[in-house]
Structure formats: structure tokens, C-alpha cells
Amino acid sequence: MKNIFFYHTPLGKIAIAENEGAITNLYFEKEIPEGAPFHETKLLKKAGEQLHNYFLGKLKEFDIPLAPTGTDFMKNVWESLCHIPYGETRSYQQIAESIGNKKASRAVGIANNRNPIPIFIPCHRVIGANGKLVGYGGGLEIKSFLLDLEKKHKSN
């Protein structure tokens, strides 16, 4: 059964969902679904604590099971995103090359935008080839906030 719980963050209220022992979704306040059972499981509590420590700059890598739903291509992209080091960025082209499909940068952008577990799967670390911030499901202000946070705490 899918469970969801809310956490207050510097970005506002965030909901994290889990199903059968893995995190499946992270929702920003404007996207929170209605009707899900609100129950803080041990895994959701751990995810909430890790998210809290991430925002404090104390946690650079998450250590929770993730189970995003998507196509095999999307899952390959999301797996690649998890290998972008904290405080660093990659272009859509670099991600396409990392999954062995150098012509797929546009498809990488679509997969990036459909990431159901932002922050935990760091799609905010993907930027345009020209170094500019482009597209983010939560909005560019959130993407900018997350990148600035990581830049500030990278050397800690």
C-alpha cells in the first residue's frame, strides 16, 4: 500500500511517498496529490530526516531505496542522474552520452522532467549545454535554490 507523509522544508511543504519499502515520489507543495493515506512509515521518516540534513548541508548522498516508475529509458536516465556528484552539474548531452545514446539529449530532457522523485534523484543538476538553467518540474526558482544550496555546502 502506498503511504505519503508531509515534511516542512525551506522550499515549503513537501510530500514523500513510499510503496512496499521504496520511495516512489516526492511532491512539491503545488503538486501534492489528494486522497493518499497519510502515514509516516519508518522509511518515510528516514527519507524525511535525510532530506532535512540535505537542506542543512550535512548530507551529500541519500541512502534510501528508490523505485521510480517509468520506461526503461527513463530509468536509465534517472540512474545516470544519481551519479552526478553533489554540487556539480551535467548537460543533457552529457547524460545522453553517459547512457550510451549521444543523440538522445532531447529524450533525456523529457525523462528528466518526468522524474517522480526529484532531489533524491538529482534532476536539478542537469543544465543546458550553454550553462543556463532550463526546465525543472518544480520550477526554475527551486532548481536555482537547490544548486545554490549545494554550491554553498560542497566543500563542507
Protein backbone atom coordinates (compact mmCIF):
# COMPACT_ATOMS: atom_id res chain seq x y z
CA MET A 1 0.00 0.00 0.00
CA LYS A 2 1.26 3.47 -0.87
CA ASN A 3 1.84 5.82 2.07
CA ILE A 4 2.56 9.53 1.99
CA PHE A 5 3.75 11.97 4.62
CA PHE A 6 4.44 15.71 4.67
CA TYR A 7 7.61 17.48 5.70
CA HIS A 8 8.28 21.19 6.10
CA THR A 9 11.38 22.34 4.24
CA PRO A 10 12.96 25.61 3.11
CA LEU A 11 11.01 25.04 -0.13
CA GLY A 12 7.69 24.78 1.69
CA LYS A 13 5.68 21.64 2.34
CA ILE A 14 6.99 18.55 0.54
CA ALA A 15 5.26 15.18 0.46
CA ILE A 16 7.22 11.96 0.14
CA ALA A 17 5.51 8.73 -0.90
CA GLU A 18 6.60 5.14 -0.47
CA ASN A 19 5.25 1.82 -1.53
CA GLU A 20 6.41 -1.63 -0.50
CA GLY A 21 9.68 -0.47 1.07
CA ALA A 22 10.89 2.07 -1.50
CA ILE A 23 10.41 5.78 -2.12
CA THR A 24 8.24 6.29 -5.21
CA ASN A 25 7.52 10.02 -5.32
CA LEU A 26 8.44 13.42 -3.97
CA TYR A 27 5.88 16.18 -4.45
CA PHE A 28 6.43 19.90 -4.08
CA GLU A 29 3.62 21.77 -2.33
CA LYS A 30 1.76 22.75 -5.50
CA GLU A 31 1.74 19.12 -6.75
CA ILE A 32 0.67 17.21 -3.62
CA PRO A 33 -2.00 14.64 -4.52
CA GLU A 34 -5.19 14.29 -2.56
CA GLY A 35 -6.55 11.06 -1.18
CA ALA A 36 -3.33 9.21 -0.35
CA PRO A 37 -3.21 7.68 3.14
CA PHE A 38 -1.14 9.85 5.46
CA HIS A 39 1.06 7.57 7.50
CA GLU A 40 4.70 8.06 8.43
CA THR A 41 6.41 4.72 7.98
CA LYS A 42 9.98 4.06 9.16
CA LEU A 43 11.20 4.57 5.60
CA LEU A 44 9.35 7.88 5.18
CA LYS A 45 10.77 9.07 8.49
CA LYS A 46 14.28 8.15 7.33
CA ALA A 47 13.70 9.91 3.99
CA GLY A 48 12.38 12.99 5.80
CA GLU A 49 15.42 13.05 8.11
CA GLN A 50 17.79 12.69 5.17
CA LEU A 51 16.00 15.47 3.30
CA HIS A 52 16.26 17.69 6.40
CA ASN A 53 20.01 17.02 6.65
CA TYR A 54 20.40 17.66 2.91
CA PHE A 55 18.86 21.11 3.35
CA LEU A 56 21.23 21.77 6.26
CA GLY A 57 24.18 20.88 4.01
CA LYS A 58 25.07 17.89 6.21
CA LEU A 59 24.08 15.15 3.74
CA LYS A 60 25.52 14.88 0.24
CA GLU A 61 24.24 11.41 -0.77
CA PHE A 62 20.93 9.80 0.03
CA ASP A 63 20.84 6.25 1.32
CA ILE A 64 17.27 5.11 0.82
CA PRO A 65 15.71 2.65 -1.62
CA LEU A 66 14.12 4.34 -4.64
CA ALA A 67 11.55 2.85 -7.02
CA PRO A 68 10.63 5.38 -9.68
CA THR A 69 8.02 4.32 -12.22
CA GLY A 70 8.88 4.89 -15.87
CA THR A 71 10.13 3.33 -19.07
CA ASP A 72 13.47 1.52 -19.21
CA PHE A 73 14.94 4.55 -20.98
CA MET A 74 13.71 6.89 -18.23
CA LYS A 75 15.09 4.59 -15.55
CA ASN A 76 18.49 4.60 -17.29
CA VAL A 77 18.46 8.39 -17.34
CA TRP A 78 17.46 8.60 -13.68
CA GLU A 79 20.17 6.12 -12.72
CA SER A 80 22.71 8.28 -14.54
CA LEU A 81 21.48 11.38 -12.69
CA CYS A 82 22.21 9.65 -9.39
CA HIS A 83 25.89 9.57 -10.37
CA ILE A 84 26.22 13.34 -10.78
CA PRO A 85 28.27 14.39 -7.75
CA TYR A 86 26.80 16.77 -5.18
CA GLY A 87 27.42 20.38 -6.16
CA GLU A 88 28.19 19.56 -9.81
CA THR A 89 26.11 19.79 -12.97
CA ARG A 90 25.91 17.98 -16.29
CA SER A 91 24.30 18.89 -19.59
CA TYR A 92 21.51 16.91 -21.21
CA GLN A 93 24.06 15.91 -23.86
CA GLN A 94 26.46 14.58 -21.23
CA ILE A 95 23.68 12.49 -19.70
CA ALA A 96 22.74 11.16 -23.15
CA GLU A 97 26.37 10.14 -23.71
CA SER A 98 26.56 8.55 -20.26
CA ILE A 99 23.70 6.19 -21.12
CA GLY A 100 25.26 5.32 -24.48
CA ASN A 101 22.89 7.29 -26.71
CA LYS A 102 24.61 10.55 -27.65
CA LYS A 103 21.73 11.65 -29.90
CA ALA A 104 19.12 11.37 -27.15
CA SER A 105 19.59 14.71 -25.38
CA ARG A 106 16.01 15.80 -26.12
CA ALA A 107 14.64 12.48 -24.79
CA VAL A 108 16.90 12.88 -21.75
CA GLY A 109 15.24 16.26 -21.17
CA ILE A 110 11.80 14.64 -21.26
CA ALA A 111 12.88 11.88 -18.86
CA ASN A 112 14.49 14.46 -16.60
CA ASN A 113 11.24 16.44 -16.49
CA ARG A 114 9.22 13.32 -15.63
CA ASN A 115 11.43 12.29 -12.72
CA PRO A 116 8.95 11.31 -9.98
CA ILE A 117 11.49 11.61 -7.15
CA PRO A 118 13.22 14.99 -7.54
CA ILE A 119 16.00 15.91 -5.12
CA PHE A 120 16.57 12.23 -4.23
CA ILE A 121 17.15 11.65 -7.95
CA PRO A 122 19.00 14.93 -8.60
CA CYS A 123 17.47 16.11 -11.87
CA HIS A 124 18.15 19.69 -10.71
CA ARG A 125 21.83 19.05 -11.53
CA VAL A 126 21.12 18.91 -15.27
CA ILE A 127 21.51 22.20 -17.12
CA GLY A 128 21.61 23.41 -20.70
CA ALA A 129 24.76 22.95 -22.79
CA ASN A 130 25.31 26.72 -22.56
CA GLY A 131 25.37 26.51 -18.75
CA LYS A 132 21.94 28.07 -18.30
CA LEU A 133 19.19 26.70 -16.11
CA VAL A 134 16.49 25.19 -18.26
CA GLY A 135 13.29 23.43 -17.26
CA TYR A 136 12.53 21.92 -13.90
CA GLY A 137 9.29 20.25 -12.84
CA GLY A 138 9.24 22.19 -9.57
CA GLY A 139 10.08 25.48 -11.27
CA LEU A 140 13.37 27.20 -12.03
CA GLU A 141 13.36 29.02 -8.68
CA ILE A 142 13.51 25.66 -6.88
CA LYS A 143 16.21 24.39 -9.25
CA SER A 144 18.25 27.53 -8.61
CA PHE A 145 17.75 27.19 -4.85
CA LEU A 146 18.95 23.56 -4.86
CA LEU A 147 22.02 24.30 -7.00
CA ASP A 148 22.94 27.30 -4.81
CA LEU A 149 22.48 25.19 -1.67
CA GLU A 150 24.82 22.51 -2.99
CA LYS A 151 27.37 25.05 -4.19
CA LYS A 152 27.36 26.66 -0.74
CA HIS A 153 27.89 23.34 1.09
CA LYS A 154 30.00 21.46 -1.47
CA SER A 155 33.30 21.76 0.40
CA ASN A 156 31.83 21.11 3.87
